[in-house]
C-alpha atoms as a PDB file:
ATOM      1  CA  MET A   1      -1.847   2.874  -0.721  1.00  0.00           C
ATOM      2  CA  ASP A   2      -3.045   2.043  -3.881  1.00  0.00           C
ATOM      3  CA  LEU A   3      -7.593   0.944  -4.270  1.00  0.00           C
ATOM      4  CA  PRO A   4      -5.926  -2.144  -7.407  1.00  0.00           C
ATOM      5  CA  THR A   5      -3.631  -3.421  -4.523  1.00  0.00           C
ATOM      6  CA  LEU A   6      -6.368  -3.397  -1.581  1.00  0.00           C
ATOM      7  CA  SER A   7      -9.012  -4.846  -3.725  1.00  0.00           C
ATOM      8  CA  LEU A   8      -6.261  -8.146  -5.081  1.00  0.00           C
ATOM      9  CA  ALA A   9      -5.765  -8.507  -1.253  1.00  0.00           C
ATOM     10  CA  TYR A  10     -10.133  -8.621  -1.142  1.00  0.00           C
ATOM     11  CA  GLY A  11     -10.190 -11.130  -3.398  1.00  0.00           C
ATOM     12  CA  GLY A  12     -11.505  -9.209  -5.708  1.00  0.00           C
ATOM     13  CA  LYS A  13     -10.625  -8.048  -9.603  1.00  0.00           C
ATOM     14  CA  TRP A  14     -10.569  -5.489 -11.780  1.00  0.00           C
ATOM     15  CA  PHE A  15     -12.166  -7.771 -14.979  1.00  0.00           C
ATOM     16  CA  ASP A  16     -13.017 -10.998 -16.049  1.00  0.00           C
ATOM     17  CA  GLU A  17     -10.765 -12.918 -18.477  1.00  0.00           C
ATOM     18  CA  LYS A  18     -13.378 -10.570 -21.206  1.00  0.00           C
ATOM     19  CA  TRP A  19     -12.330  -7.306 -19.419  1.00  0.00           C
ATOM     20  CA  GLU A  20     -16.351  -7.212 -17.806  1.00  0.00           C
ATOM     21  CA  PRO A  21     -15.465  -4.499 -15.292  1.00  0.00           C
ATOM     22  CA  GLN A  22     -15.579  -6.339 -11.873  1.00  0.00           C
ATOM     23  CA  PHE A  23     -14.871  -3.702  -9.260  1.00  0.00           C
ATOM     24  CA  ASN A  24     -18.360  -3.811  -7.812  1.00  0.00           C
ATOM     25  CA  GLY A  25     -18.591  -7.157  -6.553  1.00  0.00           C
ATOM     26  CA  LYS A  26     -18.558  -7.612  -2.704  1.00  0.00           C
ATOM     27  CA  GLU A  27     -14.820  -8.081  -2.783  1.00  0.00           C
ATOM     28  CA  GLY A  28     -14.605  -4.696  -4.203  1.00  0.00           C
ATOM     29  CA  VAL A  29     -16.778  -3.199  -2.687  1.00  0.00           C
ATOM     30  CA  ALA A  30     -15.137  -4.401   1.088  1.00  0.00           C
ATOM     31  CA  ALA A  31     -11.417  -2.864  -0.584  1.00  0.00           C
ATOM     32  CA  LEU A  32     -13.452  -0.184  -1.557  1.00  0.00           C
ATOM     33  CA  ASN A  33     -14.400   0.950   2.120  1.00  0.00           C
ATOM     34  CA  LYS A  34     -10.880  -0.207   4.096  1.00  0.00           C
ATOM     35  CA  TYR A  35      -9.313   2.299   1.438  1.00  0.00           C
ATOM     36  CA  VAL A  36     -12.058   5.364   2.447  1.00  0.00           C
ATOM     37  CA  GLU A  37     -12.147   4.381   6.584  1.00  0.00           C
ATOM     38  CA  LEU A  38      -7.648   3.971   6.258  1.00  0.00           C
ATOM     39  CA  LEU A  39      -7.323   7.802   4.861  1.00  0.00           C
ATOM     40  CA  GLN A  40     -10.594   9.124   6.200  1.00  0.00           C
ATOM     41  CA  ASN A  41      -9.364   7.273   9.956  1.00  0.00           C
ATOM     42  CA  TYR A  42      -5.589   7.010   9.932  1.00  0.00           C
ATOM     43  CA  ALA A  43      -3.985   9.468   6.016  1.00  0.00           C
ATOM     44  CA  PRO A  44      -2.414  12.766   6.435  1.00  0.00           C
ATOM     45  CA  PRO A  45      -5.110  15.185   5.425  1.00  0.00           C
ATOM     46  CA  GLY A  46      -5.325  15.922   0.982  1.00  0.00           C
ATOM     47  CA  ALA A  47      -3.801  12.192   1.392  1.00  0.00           C
ATOM     48  CA  ALA A  48      -6.287  11.124  -1.126  1.00  0.00           C
ATOM     49  CA  ASN A  49      -4.705  12.800  -3.949  1.00  0.00           C
ATOM     50  CA  TYR A  50      -0.982  11.987  -3.288  1.00  0.00           C
ATOM     51  CA  GLY A  51       0.961  10.381  -6.124  1.00  0.00           C
ATOM     52  CA  TRP A  52       3.346   8.287  -5.882  1.00  0.00           C
ATOM     53  CA  VAL A  53       6.170  10.995  -5.358  1.00  0.00           C
ATOM     54  CA  GLU A  54       4.217  12.743  -2.738  1.00  0.00           C
ATOM     55  CA  ILE A  55       3.866   9.227  -0.839  1.00  0.00           C
ATOM     56  CA  GLN A  56       7.998   8.492  -1.289  1.00  0.00           C
ATOM     57  CA  ASN A  57       8.792  11.932  -0.035  1.00  0.00           C
ATOM     58  CA  GLY A  58       6.995  11.710   3.120  1.00  0.00           C
ATOM     59  CA  LEU A  59       7.975   8.487   3.794  1.00  0.00           C
ATOM     60  CA  LEU A  60      11.755   9.033   3.032  1.00  0.00           C
ATOM     61  CA  ASP A  61      11.942  12.424   4.753  1.00  0.00           C
ATOM     62  CA  GLY A  62       9.771  10.486   8.196  1.00  0.00           C
ATOM     63  CA  HIS A  63       5.961  12.356   8.101  1.00  0.00           C
ATOM     64  CA  ILE A  64       4.373   8.871   7.153  1.00  0.00           C
ATOM     65  CA  ALA A  65       4.387   6.418   9.419  1.00  0.00           C
ATOM     66  CA  MET A  66       2.608   3.454   6.983  1.00  0.00           C
ATOM     67  CA  VAL A  67       2.919   2.906   3.221  1.00  0.00           C
ATOM     68  CA  ILE A  68       1.665   0.334   1.569  1.00  0.00           C
ATOM     69  CA  ASP A  69       2.547   0.670  -2.185  1.00  0.00           C
ATOM     70  CA  VAL A  70       5.636  -1.688  -4.142  1.00  0.00           C
ATOM     71  CA  GLU A  71       8.889  -3.305  -3.114  1.00  0.00           C
ATOM     72  CA  PHE A  72      11.218  -0.787  -4.203  1.00  0.00           C
ATOM     73  CA  MET A  73       9.695   1.656  -1.524  1.00  0.00           C
ATOM     74  CA  GLY A  74      11.355  -0.520   1.076  1.00  0.00           C
ATOM     75  CA  LEU A  75      15.199  -0.164  -0.636  1.00  0.00           C
ATOM     76  CA  LEU A  76      14.156   3.234  -1.021  1.00  0.00           C
ATOM     77  CA  SER A  77      14.154   3.069   2.581  1.00  0.00           C
ATOM     78  CA  GLU A  78      17.284   2.148   3.469  1.00  0.00           C
ATOM     79  CA  ASP A  79      19.311   4.204   0.757  1.00  0.00           C
ATOM     80  CA  PRO A  80      20.919   6.554   3.662  1.00  0.00           C
ATOM     81  CA  LYS A  81      21.637   9.328   0.717  1.00  0.00           C
ATOM     82  CA  ILE A  82      18.223  10.041   0.425  1.00  0.00           C
ATOM     83  CA  SER A  83      16.439   8.293   3.786  1.00  0.00           C
ATOM     84  CA  LYS A  84      15.467   9.490   7.223  1.00  0.00           C
ATOM     85  CA  VAL A  85      14.645   6.364   8.308  1.00  0.00           C
ATOM     86  CA  VAL A  86      17.138   4.023   7.321  1.00  0.00           C
ATOM     87  CA  GLY A  87      16.940   1.377  10.442  1.00  0.00           C
ATOM     88  CA  LYS A  88      13.538   2.468  11.322  1.00  0.00           C
ATOM     89  CA  MET A  89      11.206   0.408   9.224  1.00  0.00           C
ATOM     90  CA  GLY A  90       9.919  -3.172   8.529  1.00  0.00           C
ATOM     91  CA  HIS A  91       8.708  -4.817   5.924  1.00  0.00           C
ATOM     92  CA  THR A  92       6.258  -7.255   5.460  1.00  0.00           C
ATOM     93  CA  TYR A  93       4.058  -8.482   2.250  1.00  0.00           C
ATOM     94  CA  ILE A  94       0.418  -7.741   2.035  1.00  0.00           C
ATOM     95  CA  PRO A  95      -2.105  -9.894   3.907  1.00  0.00           C
ATOM     96  CA  MET A  96      -4.063 -11.836   1.654  1.00  0.00           C
ATOM     97  CA  MET A  97      -7.353 -12.282   2.758  1.00  0.00           C
ATOM     98  CA  GLN A  98      -7.882 -14.729   0.156  1.00  0.00           C
ATOM     99  CA  VAL A  99      -5.949 -15.823  -1.995  1.00  0.00           C
ATOM    100  CA  ASN A 100      -6.071 -14.687  -6.499  1.00  0.00           C
ATOM    101  CA  LEU A 101      -3.227 -15.088  -9.268  1.00  0.00           C
ATOM    102  CA  ASP A 102      -5.570 -13.494 -12.002  1.00  0.00           C
ATOM    103  CA  PHE A 103      -3.189 -10.237 -11.657  1.00  0.00           C
ATOM    104  CA  LEU A 104       0.355 -10.677  -9.685  1.00  0.00           C
ATOM    105  CA  ILE A 105       2.830  -8.330  -8.255  1.00  0.00           C
ATOM    106  CA  LEU A 106       5.223  -7.615  -5.565  1.00  0.00           C
ATOM    107  CA  ARG A 107       3.727  -5.218  -3.403  1.00  0.00           C
ATOM    108  CA  GLN A 108       4.613  -4.730   0.315  1.00  0.00           C
ATOM    109  CA  THR A 109       4.292  -3.104   3.838  1.00  0.00           C
ATOM    110  CA  LEU A 110       6.544  -0.426   5.005  1.00  0.00           C
ATOM    111  CA  LEU A 111       5.949  -0.480   8.887  1.00  0.00           C
ATOM    112  CA  PRO A 112       7.592   1.751  11.784  1.00  0.00           C
ATOM    113  CA  CYS A 113       9.676  -0.280  14.085  1.00  0.00           C
ATOM    114  CA  GLY A 114      11.771   0.129  17.420  1.00  0.00           C
ATOM    115  CA  PRO A 115      15.145   0.317  17.803  1.00  0.00           C
ATOM    116  CA  GLY A 116      17.487  -1.928  17.287  1.00  0.00           C
ATOM    117  CA  PRO A 117      19.581  -4.269  19.117  1.00  0.00           C
END
């Protein structure tokens, strides 16, 4: 999960139209507090220092149960050549607290799901 995505989900902005920093507004602070809570209470030890490769490898190896990241991570999780979690992940979009179209990028949440029919 990355803080910019979470901040956007909370309706925050990183910069205004004049490129003045906006991440310390109430939405940005709420997103940061949620980010810290998730890392402290639910992430693997050291996850705050994970880069994209560590997150991808952890998910595909089955060591990370949930990822909030870009849409192609879901595609990778379904590739039997590289993934141990084929057919075991669900995919959805990140819930938005409010819509902010200043910066639009497709993000999704990957969730473990039960066995199929």
